[in-house]
Structure formats: structure tokens, C-alpha cells
Amino acid sequence: MAIYRTLLVCFAMFVSTAGFAGDKTVSLELVFITSDYCPFCKAWEREVKPAYSQSPYGQKAPLRRVDIADVPSVLPDISPKVKGTPVFLLLLEDREIGRIEGYQSRDMFYWALSEYIQP
């Protein structure tokens, strides 16, 4: 009988812990490192940005735009350092988990992003 009571207590603890884990929101974001002088950045803003926030990717990883000149102060711990634009950093709890360098097309961007985010 004691074994059943122990199993019941363990199960109850597991269920209550799982409930708390489900309540935690994970902070995932896409950081777009850009420059006003970058033609590829402008192409991304024209072709992808208007619909990004409504896309499944945008729902999971909201966009934050950072000028390349501000990277050292806004993202001091990013390594390797950003040397050009555009660069897209996927951050989970402010820790880089993915990086896309450059922009070719809308389809290629979403294909590269799908390596990190499952829509």
C-alpha cells in the first residue's frame, strides 16, 4: 500500500510541475541587424517585413530592428561579431541560437529561418 501512495504522490508532483512548466513563456525573437545604406536590407524590408509579424515565424519570434552601429551597445555579448548587413539573429532568452547572414529572396529567407523555427 505504501508503494501506491508513493507513486500517487510522485505522479501528483509531476502533474503540478508540468503545469508550472507550461505557464512559462519562452522569449524568442528575431533581431534584424541592418543599415540605412544596405540595398539587401531594403529589399528584405520591402519583400518580407510587411507580412512577417502575421506569419507563423513572426508569431513565434517577434522582430526587433537594430542598426549595425548600435550592435556593440545593444548586443554586447554576441559572438562572433557582426561585420556586415543584413544579419538575422535568432535569440532565445537573449542567447543566440541561430544566425542568417545576407538576404537573397523571400523564399530563401523563410527556408533558412525554418532551420530554427518550426511554423
PDB file of N, CA and C in Angstrom:
ATOM      1  N   MET A   1       0.822  -1.193   0.000  1.00  0.00           N
ATOM      2  CA  MET A   1       0.000   0.000   0.000  1.00  0.00           C
ATOM      3  C   MET A   1       0.871   1.265   0.000  1.00  0.00           C
ATOM      4  N   ALA A   2       1.991   1.215   0.718  1.00  0.00           N
ATOM      5  CA  ALA A   2       2.883   2.371   0.790  1.00  0.00           C
ATOM      6  C   ALA A   2       3.463   2.695  -0.584  1.00  0.00           C
ATOM      7  N   ILE A   3       3.719   1.675  -1.390  1.00  0.00           N
ATOM      8  CA  ILE A   3       4.264   1.911  -2.723  1.00  0.00           C
ATOM      9  C   ILE A   3       3.259   2.669  -3.593  1.00  0.00           C
ATOM     10  N   TYR A   4       1.976   2.325  -3.460  1.00  0.00           N
ATOM     11  CA  TYR A   4       0.953   3.018  -4.237  1.00  0.00           C
ATOM     12  C   TYR A   4       0.829   4.479  -3.811  1.00  0.00           C
ATOM     13  N   ARG A   5       0.922   4.704  -2.517  1.00  0.00           N
ATOM     14  CA  ARG A   5       0.857   6.072  -2.002  1.00  0.00           C
ATOM     15  C   ARG A   5       2.053   6.876  -2.528  1.00  0.00           C
ATOM     16  N   THR A   6       3.238   6.278  -2.522  1.00  0.00           N
ATOM     17  CA  THR A   6       4.431   6.951  -3.029  1.00  0.00           C
ATOM     18  C   THR A   6       4.286   7.260  -4.513  1.00  0.00           C
ATOM     19  N   LEU A   7       3.803   6.296  -5.276  1.00  0.00           N
ATOM     20  CA  LEU A   7       3.583   6.519  -6.703  1.00  0.00           C
ATOM     21  C   LEU A   7       2.556   7.617  -6.947  1.00  0.00           C
ATOM     22  N   LEU A   8       1.510   7.636  -6.155  1.00  0.00           N
ATOM     23  CA  LEU A   8       0.483   8.662  -6.291  1.00  0.00           C
ATOM     24  C   LEU A   8       1.054  10.047  -5.986  1.00  0.00           C
ATOM     25  N   VAL A   9       1.857  10.159  -4.952  1.00  0.00           N
ATOM     26  CA  VAL A   9       2.488  11.437  -4.603  1.00  0.00           C
ATOM     27  C   VAL A   9       3.435  11.873  -5.712  1.00  0.00           C
ATOM     28  N   CYS A  10       4.240  10.943  -6.234  1.00  0.00           N
ATOM     29  CA  CYS A  10       5.164  11.270  -7.330  1.00  0.00           C
ATOM     30  C   CYS A  10       4.407  11.744  -8.567  1.00  0.00           C
ATOM     31  N   PHE A  11       3.312  11.050  -8.887  1.00  0.00           N
ATOM     32  CA  PHE A  11       2.503  11.442 -10.033  1.00  0.00           C
ATOM     33  C   PHE A  11       1.903  12.832  -9.834  1.00  0.00           C
ATOM     34  N   ALA A  12       1.405  13.099  -8.649  1.00  0.00           N
ATOM     35  CA  ALA A  12       0.824  14.424  -8.359  1.00  0.00           C
ATOM     36  C   ALA A  12       1.882  15.515  -8.473  1.00  0.00           C
ATOM     37  N   MET A  13       3.092  15.236  -7.993  1.00  0.00           N
ATOM     38  CA  MET A  13       4.168  16.220  -8.094  1.00  0.00           C
ATOM     39  C   MET A  13       4.540  16.462  -9.556  1.00  0.00           C
ATOM     40  N   PHE A  14       4.570  15.384 -10.338  1.00  0.00           N
ATOM     41  CA  PHE A  14       4.887  15.519 -11.757  1.00  0.00           C
ATOM     42  C   PHE A  14       3.846  16.370 -12.467  1.00  0.00           C
ATOM     43  N   VAL A  15       2.575  16.114 -12.221  1.00  0.00           N
ATOM     44  CA  VAL A  15       1.494  16.853 -12.862  1.00  0.00           C
ATOM     45  C   VAL A  15       1.550  18.327 -12.468  1.00  0.00           C
ATOM     46  N   SER A  16       1.780  18.616 -11.208  1.00  0.00           N
ATOM     47  CA  SER A  16       1.822  20.020 -10.779  1.00  0.00           C
ATOM     48  C   SER A  16       3.051  20.716 -11.361  1.00  0.00           C
ATOM     49  N   THR A  17       4.172  20.033 -11.453  1.00  0.00           N
ATOM     50  CA  THR A  17       5.371  20.626 -12.049  1.00  0.00           C
ATOM     51  C   THR A  17       5.162  20.874 -13.530  1.00  0.00           C
ATOM     52  N   ALA A  18       4.532  19.953 -14.219  1.00  0.00           N
ATOM     53  CA  ALA A  18       4.260  20.123 -15.641  1.00  0.00           C
ATOM     54  C   ALA A  18       3.359  21.329 -15.883  1.00  0.00           C
ATOM     55  N   GLY A  19       2.432  21.565 -14.983  1.00  0.00           N
ATOM     56  CA  GLY A  19       1.560  22.731 -15.112  1.00  0.00           C
ATOM     57  C   GLY A  19       2.336  24.024 -15.018  1.00  0.00           C
ATOM     58  N   PHE A  20       3.293  24.096 -14.098  1.00  0.00           N
ATOM     59  CA  PHE A  20       4.112  25.296 -13.980  1.00  0.00           C
ATOM     60  C   PHE A  20       5.006  25.475 -15.188  1.00  0.00           C
ATOM     61  N   ALA A  21       5.552  24.383 -15.714  1.00  0.00           N
ATOM     62  CA  ALA A  21       6.420  24.476 -16.888  1.00  0.00           C
ATOM     63  C   ALA A  21       5.632  24.980 -18.088  1.00  0.00           C
ATOM     64  N   GLY A  22       4.371  24.618 -18.204  1.00  0.00           N
ATOM     65  CA  GLY A  22       3.545  25.073 -19.315  1.00  0.00           C
ATOM     66  C   GLY A  22       3.229  26.552 -19.241  1.00  0.00           C
ATOM     67  N   ASP A  23       3.255  27.128 -18.046  1.00  0.00           N
ATOM     68  CA  ASP A  23       2.941  28.538 -17.880  1.00  0.00           C
ATOM     69  C   ASP A  23       4.109  29.437 -18.265  1.00  0.00           C
ATOM     70  N   LYS A  24       5.324  28.912 -18.280  1.00  0.00           N
ATOM     71  CA  LYS A  24       6.497  29.739 -18.557  1.00  0.00           C
ATOM     72  C   LYS A  24       6.507  30.128 -20.031  1.00  0.00           C
ATOM     73  N   THR A  25       6.637  31.410 -20.307  1.00  0.00           N
ATOM     74  CA  THR A  25       6.738  31.862 -21.677  1.00  0.00           C
ATOM     75  C   THR A  25       8.205  31.959 -22.053  1.00  0.00           C
ATOM     76  N   VAL A  26       8.519  31.454 -23.215  1.00  0.00           N
ATOM     77  CA  VAL A  26       9.887  31.475 -23.702  1.00  0.00           C
ATOM     78  C   VAL A  26      10.044  32.708 -24.565  1.00  0.00           C
ATOM     79  N   SER A  27      11.074  33.472 -24.301  1.00  0.00           N
ATOM     80  CA  SER A  27      11.316  34.703 -25.029  1.00  0.00           C
ATOM     81  C   SER A  27      12.203  34.422 -26.240  1.00  0.00           C
ATOM     82  N   LEU A  28      11.571  34.317 -27.399  1.00  0.00           N
ATOM     83  CA  LEU A  28      12.257  34.073 -28.656  1.00  0.00           C
ATOM     84  C   LEU A  28      12.058  35.305 -29.516  1.00  0.00           C
ATOM     85  N   GLU A  29      13.131  35.799 -30.134  1.00  0.00           N
ATOM     86  CA  GLU A  29      12.989  36.952 -31.005  1.00  0.00           C
ATOM     87  C   GLU A  29      13.967  36.876 -32.165  1.00  0.00           C
ATOM     88  N   LEU A  30      13.588  37.541 -33.256  1.00  0.00           N
ATOM     89  CA  LEU A  30      14.445  37.657 -34.417  1.00  0.00           C
ATOM     90  C   LEU A  30      14.981  39.078 -34.433  1.00  0.00           C
ATOM     91  N   VAL A  31      16.295  39.202 -34.346  1.00  0.00           N
ATOM     92  CA  VAL A  31      16.934  40.518 -34.371  1.00  0.00           C
ATOM     93  C   VAL A  31      17.485  40.741 -35.773  1.00  0.00           C
ATOM     94  N   PHE A  32      17.001  41.794 -36.413  1.00  0.00           N
ATOM     95  CA  PHE A  32      17.406  42.169 -37.766  1.00  0.00           C
ATOM     96  C   PHE A  32      18.450  43.261 -37.656  1.00  0.00           C
ATOM     97  N   ILE A  33      19.702  42.921 -37.963  1.00  0.00           N
ATOM     98  CA  ILE A  33      20.783  43.906 -37.918  1.00  0.00           C
ATOM     99  C   ILE A  33      20.902  44.492 -39.318  1.00  0.00           C
ATOM    100  N   THR A  34      20.752  45.792 -39.380  1.00  0.00           N
ATOM    101  CA  THR A  34      20.591  46.470 -40.651  1.00  0.00           C
ATOM    102  C   THR A  34      21.400  47.762 -40.710  1.00  0.00           C
ATOM    103  N   SER A  35      21.358  48.381 -41.875  1.00  0.00           N
ATOM    104  CA  SER A  35      21.979  49.675 -42.097  1.00  0.00           C
ATOM    105  C   SER A  35      21.120  50.425 -43.103  1.00  0.00           C
ATOM    106  N   ASP A  36      21.062  51.730 -42.958  1.00  0.00           N
ATOM    107  CA  ASP A  36      20.282  52.534 -43.898  1.00  0.00           C
ATOM    108  C   ASP A  36      20.872  52.501 -45.304  1.00  0.00           C
ATOM    109  N   TYR A  37      22.125  52.091 -45.439  1.00  0.00           N
ATOM    110  CA  TYR A  37      22.814  52.105 -46.724  1.00  0.00           C
ATOM    111  C   TYR A  37      22.858  50.725 -47.387  1.00  0.00           C
ATOM    112  N   CYS A  38      22.169  49.757 -46.841  1.00  0.00           N
ATOM    113  CA  CYS A  38      22.233  48.374 -47.307  1.00  0.00           C
ATOM    114  C   CYS A  38      21.085  48.074 -48.276  1.00  0.00           C
ATOM    115  N   PRO A  39      21.369  47.842 -49.560  1.00  0.00           N
ATOM    116  CA  PRO A  39      20.292  47.549 -50.511  1.00  0.00           C
ATOM    117  C   PRO A  39      19.592  46.217 -50.228  1.00  0.00           C
ATOM    118  N   PHE A  40      20.319  45.231 -49.673  1.00  0.00           N
ATOM    119  CA  PHE A  40      19.702  43.944 -49.356  1.00  0.00           C
ATOM    120  C   PHE A  40      18.761  44.075 -48.156  1.00  0.00           C
ATOM    121  N   CYS A  41      19.107  44.956 -47.223  1.00  0.00           N
ATOM    122  CA  CYS A  41      18.224  45.230 -46.082  1.00  0.00           C
ATOM    123  C   CYS A  41      16.920  45.874 -46.569  1.00  0.00           C
ATOM    124  N   LYS A  42      17.060  46.799 -47.496  1.00  0.00           N
ATOM    125  CA  LYS A  42      15.869  47.465 -48.042  1.00  0.00           C
ATOM    126  C   LYS A  42      14.999  46.479 -48.802  1.00  0.00           C
ATOM    127  N   ALA A  43      15.627  45.556 -49.527  1.00  0.00           N
ATOM    128  CA  ALA A  43      14.862  44.526 -50.234  1.00  0.00           C
ATOM    129  C   ALA A  43      14.109  43.652 -49.238  1.00  0.00           C
ATOM    130  N   TRP A  44      14.764  43.261 -48.126  1.00  0.00           N
ATOM    131  CA  TRP A  44      14.095  42.443 -47.104  1.00  0.00           C
ATOM    132  C   TRP A  44      12.917  43.212 -46.512  1.00  0.00           C
ATOM    133  N   GLU A  45      13.134  44.478 -46.211  1.00  0.00           N
ATOM    134  CA  GLU A  45      12.051  45.281 -45.622  1.00  0.00           C
ATOM    135  C   GLU A  45      10.880  45.426 -46.593  1.00  0.00           C
ATOM    136  N   ARG A  46      11.156  45.484 -47.867  1.00  0.00           N
ATOM    137  CA  ARG A  46      10.103  45.610 -48.872  1.00  0.00           C
ATOM    138  C   ARG A  46       9.386  44.272 -49.115  1.00  0.00           C
ATOM    139  N   GLU A  47      10.130  43.165 -49.142  1.00  0.00           N
ATOM    140  CA  GLU A  47       9.576  41.870 -49.539  1.00  0.00           C
ATOM    141  C   GLU A  47       9.077  40.999 -48.388  1.00  0.00           C
ATOM    142  N   VAL A  48       9.669  41.133 -47.204  1.00  0.00           N
ATOM    143  CA  VAL A  48       9.342  40.222 -46.101  1.00  0.00           C
ATOM    144  C   VAL A  48       8.680  40.937 -44.927  1.00  0.00           C
ATOM    145  N   LYS A  49       9.212  42.065 -44.546  1.00  0.00           N
ATOM    146  CA  LYS A  49       8.767  42.740 -43.324  1.00  0.00           C
ATOM    147  C   LYS A  49       7.263  43.008 -43.258  1.00  0.00           C
ATOM    148  N   PRO A  50       6.601  43.447 -44.338  1.00  0.00           N
ATOM    149  CA  PRO A  50       5.169  43.757 -44.216  1.00  0.00           C
ATOM    150  C   PRO A  50       4.312  42.596 -43.694  1.00  0.00           C
ATOM    151  N   ALA A  51       4.672  41.365 -44.039  1.00  0.00           N
ATOM    152  CA  ALA A  51       3.852  40.219 -43.624  1.00  0.00           C
ATOM    153  C   ALA A  51       4.507  39.383 -42.529  1.00  0.00           C
ATOM    154  N   TYR A  52       5.725  39.726 -42.129  1.00  0.00           N
ATOM    155  CA  TYR A  52       6.451  38.875 -41.181  1.00  0.00           C
ATOM    156  C   TYR A  52       5.708  38.711 -39.855  1.00  0.00           C
ATOM    157  N   SER A  53       5.203  39.779 -39.286  1.00  0.00           N
ATOM    158  CA  SER A  53       4.574  39.685 -37.957  1.00  0.00           C
ATOM    159  C   SER A  53       3.322  38.811 -37.963  1.00  0.00           C
ATOM    160  N   GLN A  54       2.649  38.680 -39.116  1.00  0.00           N
ATOM    161  CA  GLN A  54       1.468  37.827 -39.195  1.00  0.00           C
ATOM    162  C   GLN A  54       1.814  36.389 -39.598  1.00  0.00           C
ATOM    163  N   SER A  55       3.058  36.151 -39.984  1.00  0.00           N
ATOM    164  CA  SER A  55       3.463  34.804 -40.398  1.00  0.00           C
ATOM    165  C   SER A  55       3.618  33.910 -39.171  1.00  0.00           C
ATOM    166  N   PRO A  56       3.618  32.582 -39.360  1.00  0.00           N
ATOM    167  CA  PRO A  56       3.850  31.680 -38.229  1.00  0.00           C
ATOM    168  C   PRO A  56       5.202  31.932 -37.557  1.00  0.00           C
ATOM    169  N   TYR A  57       6.184  32.353 -38.355  1.00  0.00           N
ATOM    170  CA  TYR A  57       7.503  32.655 -37.801  1.00  0.00           C
ATOM    171  C   TYR A  57       7.452  33.913 -36.938  1.00  0.00           C
ATOM    172  N   GLY A  58       6.773  34.924 -37.446  1.00  0.00           N
ATOM    173  CA  GLY A  58       6.642  36.174 -36.707  1.00  0.00           C
ATOM    174  C   GLY A  58       5.848  36.022 -35.428  1.00  0.00           C
ATOM    175  N   GLN A  59       4.918  35.083 -35.404  1.00  0.00           N
ATOM    176  CA  GLN A  59       4.147  34.818 -34.189  1.00  0.00           C
ATOM    177  C   GLN A  59       5.036  34.190 -33.114  1.00  0.00           C
ATOM    178  N   LYS A  60       5.999  33.384 -33.530  1.00  0.00           N
ATOM    179  CA  LYS A  60       6.875  32.708 -32.574  1.00  0.00           C
ATOM    180  C   LYS A  60       8.100  33.540 -32.213  1.00  0.00           C
ATOM    181  N   ALA A  61       8.571  34.357 -33.156  1.00  0.00           N
ATOM    182  CA  ALA A  61       9.783  35.150 -32.927  1.00  0.00           C
ATOM    183  C   ALA A  61       9.556  36.572 -33.437  1.00  0.00           C
ATOM    184  N   PRO A  62       9.057  37.455 -32.569  1.00  0.00           N
ATOM    185  CA  PRO A  62       8.838  38.847 -32.982  1.00  0.00           C
ATOM    186  C   PRO A  62      10.140  39.490 -33.451  1.00  0.00           C
ATOM    187  N   LEU A  63       9.997  40.468 -34.324  1.00  0.00           N
ATOM    188  CA  LEU A  63      11.135  41.138 -34.945  1.00  0.00           C
ATOM    189  C   LEU A  63      11.587  42.349 -34.136  1.00  0.00           C
ATOM    190  N   ARG A  64      12.902  42.487 -34.015  1.00  0.00           N
ATOM    191  CA  ARG A  64      13.493  43.705 -33.441  1.00  0.00           C
ATOM    192  C   ARG A  64      14.568  44.172 -34.407  1.00  0.00           C
ATOM    193  N   ARG A  65      14.507  45.425 -34.804  1.00  0.00           N
ATOM    194  CA  ARG A  65      15.461  46.006 -35.747  1.00  0.00           C
ATOM    195  C   ARG A  65      16.553  46.715 -34.965  1.00  0.00           C
ATOM    196  N   VAL A  66      17.826  46.423 -35.311  1.00  0.00           N
ATOM    197  CA  VAL A  66      18.974  47.052 -34.662  1.00  0.00           C
ATOM    198  C   VAL A  66      19.920  47.535 -35.746  1.00  0.00           C
ATOM    199  N   ASP A  67      20.302  48.814 -35.694  1.00  0.00           N
ATOM    200  CA  ASP A  67      21.276  49.348 -36.638  1.00  0.00           C
ATOM    201  C   ASP A  67      22.654  48.778 -36.304  1.00  0.00           C
ATOM    202  N   ILE A  68      23.437  48.487 -37.326  1.00  0.00           N
ATOM    203  CA  ILE A  68      24.742  47.874 -37.102  1.00  0.00           C
ATOM    204  C   ILE A  68      25.643  48.736 -36.217  1.00  0.00           C
ATOM    205  N   ALA A  69      25.486  50.039 -36.269  1.00  0.00           N
ATOM    206  CA  ALA A  69      26.295  50.926 -35.423  1.00  0.00           C
ATOM    207  C   ALA A  69      25.954  50.768 -33.943  1.00  0.00           C
ATOM    208  N   ASP A  70      24.744  50.276 -33.642  1.00  0.00           N
ATOM    209  CA  ASP A  70      24.300  50.128 -32.258  1.00  0.00           C
ATOM    210  C   ASP A  70      24.546  48.734 -31.682  1.00  0.00           C
ATOM    211  N   VAL A  71      25.022  47.803 -32.493  1.00  0.00           N
ATOM    212  CA  VAL A  71      25.206  46.416 -32.033  1.00  0.00           C
ATOM    213  C   VAL A  71      26.090  46.317 -30.803  1.00  0.00           C
ATOM    214  N   PRO A  72      27.252  46.997 -30.754  1.00  0.00           N
ATOM    215  CA  PRO A  72      28.097  46.841 -29.558  1.00  0.00           C
ATOM    216  C   PRO A  72      27.412  47.250 -28.252  1.00  0.00           C
ATOM    217  N   SER A  73      26.544  48.237 -28.294  1.00  0.00           N
ATOM    218  CA  SER A  73      25.879  48.667 -27.059  1.00  0.00           C
ATOM    219  C   SER A  73      24.591  47.888 -26.786  1.00  0.00           C
ATOM    220  N   VAL A  74      23.873  47.483 -27.833  1.00  0.00           N
ATOM    221  CA  VAL A  74      22.596  46.789 -27.658  1.00  0.00           C
ATOM    222  C   VAL A  74      22.801  45.284 -27.451  1.00  0.00           C
ATOM    223  N   LEU A  75      23.780  44.710 -28.149  1.00  0.00           N
ATOM    224  CA  LEU A  75      24.044  43.272 -28.085  1.00  0.00           C
ATOM    225  C   LEU A  75      25.530  43.021 -27.805  1.00  0.00           C
ATOM    226  N   PRO A  76      26.027  43.404 -26.637  1.00  0.00           N
ATOM    227  CA  PRO A  76      27.465  43.328 -26.369  1.00  0.00           C
ATOM    228  C   PRO A  76      28.031  41.911 -26.312  1.00  0.00           C
ATOM    229  N   ASP A  77      27.202  40.916 -26.026  1.00  0.00           N
ATOM    230  CA  ASP A  77      27.699  39.555 -25.851  1.00  0.00           C
ATOM    231  C   ASP A  77      27.624  38.694 -27.103  1.00  0.00           C
ATOM    232  N   ILE A  78      27.223  39.268 -28.234  1.00  0.00           N
ATOM    233  CA  ILE A  78      27.091  38.482 -29.461  1.00  0.00           C
ATOM    234  C   ILE A  78      28.476  38.102 -29.976  1.00  0.00           C
ATOM    235  N   SER A  79      28.631  36.812 -30.257  1.00  0.00           N
ATOM    236  CA  SER A  79      29.889  36.314 -30.794  1.00  0.00           C
ATOM    237  C   SER A  79      29.579  35.196 -31.769  1.00  0.00           C
ATOM    238  N   PRO A  80      30.149  35.182 -32.945  1.00  0.00           N
ATOM    239  CA  PRO A  80      31.125  36.131 -33.473  1.00  0.00           C
ATOM    240  C   PRO A  80      30.482  37.486 -33.753  1.00  0.00           C
ATOM    241  N   LYS A  81      31.326  38.478 -33.792  1.00  0.00           N
ATOM    242  CA  LYS A  81      30.844  39.840 -34.007  1.00  0.00           C
ATOM    243  C   LYS A  81      30.209  39.969 -35.385  1.00  0.00           C
ATOM    244  N   VAL A  82      29.256  40.879 -35.488  1.00  0.00           N
ATOM    245  CA  VAL A  82      28.574  41.153 -36.748  1.00  0.00           C
ATOM    246  C   VAL A  82      29.448  42.103 -37.551  1.00  0.00           C
ATOM    247  N   LYS A  83      29.725  41.717 -38.801  1.00  0.00           N
ATOM    248  CA  LYS A  83      30.629  42.521 -39.630  1.00  0.00           C
ATOM    249  C   LYS A  83      29.958  43.145 -40.845  1.00  0.00           C
ATOM    250  N   GLY A  84      28.731  42.733 -41.145  1.00  0.00           N
ATOM    251  CA  GLY A  84      28.033  43.252 -42.308  1.00  0.00           C
ATOM    252  C   GLY A  84      26.532  43.188 -42.102  1.00  0.00           C
ATOM    253  N   THR A  85      25.803  43.625 -43.124  1.00  0.00           N
ATOM    254  CA  THR A  85      24.350  43.594 -43.059  1.00  0.00           C
ATOM    255  C   THR A  85      23.813  43.023 -44.362  1.00  0.00           C
ATOM    256  N   PRO A  86      22.645  42.449 -44.355  1.00  0.00           N
ATOM    257  CA  PRO A  86      21.819  42.167 -43.195  1.00  0.00           C
ATOM    258  C   PRO A  86      22.261  40.885 -42.486  1.00  0.00           C
ATOM    259  N   VAL A  87      22.035  40.862 -41.194  1.00  0.00           N
ATOM    260  CA  VAL A  87      22.242  39.673 -40.370  1.00  0.00           C
ATOM    261  C   VAL A  87      20.999  39.516 -39.518  1.00  0.00           C
ATOM    262  N   PHE A  88      20.515  38.299 -39.439  1.00  0.00           N
ATOM    263  CA  PHE A  88      19.333  37.979 -38.644  1.00  0.00           C
ATOM    264  C   PHE A  88      19.774  37.034 -37.534  1.00  0.00           C
ATOM    265  N   LEU A  89      19.608  37.461 -36.295  1.00  0.00           N
ATOM    266  CA  LEU A  89      19.980  36.651 -35.140  1.00  0.00           C
ATOM    267  C   LEU A  89      18.709  36.134 -34.488  1.00  0.00           C
ATOM    268  N   LEU A  90      18.648  34.857 -34.267  1.00  0.00           N
ATOM    269  CA  LEU A  90      17.538  34.278 -33.534  1.00  0.00           C
ATOM    270  C   LEU A  90      17.997  34.124 -32.092  1.00  0.00           C
ATOM    271  N   LEU A  91      17.344  34.853 -31.191  1.00  0.00           N
ATOM    272  CA  LEU A  91      17.726  34.849 -29.780  1.00  0.00           C
ATOM    273  C   LEU A  91      16.654  34.153 -28.949  1.00  0.00           C
ATOM    274  N   LEU A  92      17.109  33.278 -28.078  1.00  0.00           N
ATOM    275  CA  LEU A  92      16.246  32.604 -27.116  1.00  0.00           C
ATOM    276  C   LEU A  92      16.727  33.017 -25.743  1.00  0.00           C
ATOM    277  N   GLU A  93      15.858  33.746 -25.016  1.00  0.00           N
ATOM    278  CA  GLU A  93      16.245  34.263 -23.694  1.00  0.00           C
ATOM    279  C   GLU A  93      17.557  35.049 -23.791  1.00  0.00           C
ATOM    280  N   ASP A  94      17.692  35.885 -24.822  1.00  0.00           N
ATOM    281  CA  ASP A  94      18.853  36.747 -25.069  1.00  0.00           C
ATOM    282  C   ASP A  94      20.139  35.985 -25.379  1.00  0.00           C
ATOM    283  N   ARG A  95      20.015  34.717 -25.779  1.00  0.00           N
ATOM    284  CA  ARG A  95      21.177  33.910 -26.154  1.00  0.00           C
ATOM    285  C   ARG A  95      20.995  33.497 -27.612  1.00  0.00           C
ATOM    286  N   GLU A  96      22.024  33.717 -28.422  1.00  0.00           N
ATOM    287  CA  GLU A  96      21.935  33.400 -29.838  1.00  0.00           C
ATOM    288  C   GLU A  96      21.834  31.893 -30.065  1.00  0.00           C
ATOM    289  N   ILE A  97      20.796  31.499 -30.813  1.00  0.00           N
ATOM    290  CA  ILE A  97      20.652  30.082 -31.161  1.00  0.00           C
ATOM    291  C   ILE A  97      20.697  29.877 -32.672  1.00  0.00           C
ATOM    292  N   GLY A  98      20.720  30.964 -33.418  1.00  0.00           N
ATOM    293  CA  GLY A  98      20.797  30.853 -34.865  1.00  0.00           C
ATOM    294  C   GLY A  98      21.169  32.169 -35.504  1.00  0.00           C
ATOM    295  N   ARG A  99      21.748  32.073 -36.706  1.00  0.00           N
ATOM    296  CA  ARG A  99      22.184  33.273 -37.412  1.00  0.00           C
ATOM    297  C   ARG A  99      21.998  33.046 -38.905  1.00  0.00           C
ATOM    298  N   ILE A 100      21.413  34.051 -39.552  1.00  0.00           N
ATOM    299  CA  ILE A 100      21.281  34.053 -41.012  1.00  0.00           C
ATOM    300  C   ILE A 100      22.014  35.290 -41.494  1.00  0.00           C
ATOM    301  N   GLU A 101      22.998  35.081 -42.347  1.00  0.00           N
ATOM    302  CA  GLU A 101      23.766  36.212 -42.875  1.00  0.00           C
ATOM    303  C   GLU A 101      23.389  36.433 -44.332  1.00  0.00           C
ATOM    304  N   GLY A 102      23.009  37.663 -44.643  1.00  0.00           N
ATOM    305  CA  GLY A 102      22.651  38.011 -46.006  1.00  0.00           C
ATOM    306  C   GLY A 102      21.176  37.809 -46.295  1.00  0.00           C
ATOM    307  N   TYR A 103      20.781  38.265 -47.470  1.00  0.00           N
ATOM    308  CA  TYR A 103      19.401  38.116 -47.936  1.00  0.00           C
ATOM    309  C   TYR A 103      19.427  37.941 -49.441  1.00  0.00           C
ATOM    310  N   GLN A 104      18.773  36.868 -49.919  1.00  0.00           N
ATOM    311  CA  GLN A 104      18.690  36.620 -51.359  1.00  0.00           C
ATOM    312  C   GLN A 104      17.268  36.801 -51.868  1.00  0.00           C
ATOM    313  N   SER A 105      16.329  36.182 -51.165  1.00  0.00           N
ATOM    314  CA  SER A 105      14.928  36.269 -51.588  1.00  0.00           C
ATOM    315  C   SER A 105      14.041  35.903 -50.405  1.00  0.00           C
ATOM    316  N   ARG A 106      12.758  36.203 -50.559  1.00  0.00           N
ATOM    317  CA  ARG A 106      11.778  35.881 -49.514  1.00  0.00           C
ATOM    318  C   ARG A 106      11.763  34.379 -49.236  1.00  0.00           C
ATOM    319  N   ASP A 107      11.716  33.579 -50.283  1.00  0.00           N
ATOM    320  CA  ASP A 107      11.660  32.122 -50.113  1.00  0.00           C
ATOM    321  C   ASP A 107      12.916  31.582 -49.431  1.00  0.00           C
ATOM    322  N   MET A 108      14.079  32.061 -49.828  1.00  0.00           N
ATOM    323  CA  MET A 108      15.330  31.598 -49.216  1.00  0.00           C
ATOM    324  C   MET A 108      15.408  32.032 -47.749  1.00  0.00           C
ATOM    325  N   PHE A 109      14.901  33.219 -47.442  1.00  0.00           N
ATOM    326  CA  PHE A 109      14.904  33.687 -46.057  1.00  0.00           C
ATOM    327  C   PHE A 109      14.064  32.762 -45.178  1.00  0.00           C
ATOM    328  N   TYR A 110      12.835  32.469 -45.622  1.00  0.00           N
ATOM    329  CA  TYR A 110      11.973  31.606 -44.816  1.00  0.00           C
ATOM    330  C   TYR A 110      12.513  30.177 -44.741  1.00  0.00           C
ATOM    331  N   TRP A 111      13.140  29.717 -45.806  1.00  0.00           N
ATOM    332  CA  TRP A 111      13.753  28.388 -45.782  1.00  0.00           C
ATOM    333  C   TRP A 111      14.863  28.350 -44.733  1.00  0.00           C
ATOM    334  N   ALA A 112      15.724  29.375 -44.722  1.00  0.00           N
ATOM    335  CA  ALA A 112      16.803  29.432 -43.728  1.00  0.00           C
ATOM    336  C   ALA A 112      16.232  29.553 -42.312  1.00  0.00           C
ATOM    337  N   LEU A 113      15.197  30.346 -42.143  1.00  0.00           N
ATOM    338  CA  LEU A 113      14.587  30.530 -40.827  1.00  0.00           C
ATOM    339  C   LEU A 113      13.936  29.238 -40.334  1.00  0.00           C
ATOM    340  N   SER A 114      13.449  28.426 -41.259  1.00  0.00           N
ATOM    341  CA  SER A 114      12.801  27.181 -40.867  1.00  0.00           C
ATOM    342  C   SER A 114      13.782  26.174 -40.248  1.00  0.00           C
ATOM    343  N   GLU A 115      15.064  26.422 -40.396  1.00  0.00           N
ATOM    344  CA  GLU A 115      16.065  25.581 -39.737  1.00  0.00           C
ATOM    345  C   GLU A 115      16.032  25.780 -38.228  1.00  0.00           C
ATOM    346  N   TYR A 116      15.513  26.914 -37.764  1.00  0.00           N
ATOM    347  CA  TYR A 116      15.496  27.258 -36.357  1.00  0.00           C
ATOM    348  C   TYR A 116      14.100  27.288 -35.742  1.00  0.00           C
ATOM    349  N   ILE A 117      13.095  27.620 -36.554  1.00  0.00           N
ATOM    350  CA  ILE A 117      11.727  27.745 -36.076  1.00  0.00           C
ATOM    351  C   ILE A 117      10.838  26.833 -36.909  1.00  0.00           C
ATOM    352  N   GLN A 118      10.054  26.017 -36.256  1.00  0.00           N
ATOM    353  CA  GLN A 118       9.075  25.194 -36.971  1.00  0.00           C
ATOM    354  C   GLN A 118       7.725  25.911 -36.929  1.00  0.00           C
ATOM    355  N   PRO A 119       7.218  26.304 -38.109  1.00  0.00           N
ATOM    356  CA  PRO A 119       5.955  27.058 -38.113  1.00  0.00           C
ATOM    357  C   PRO A 119       4.756  26.241 -37.664  1.00  0.00           C
TER     358      PRO A 119
END
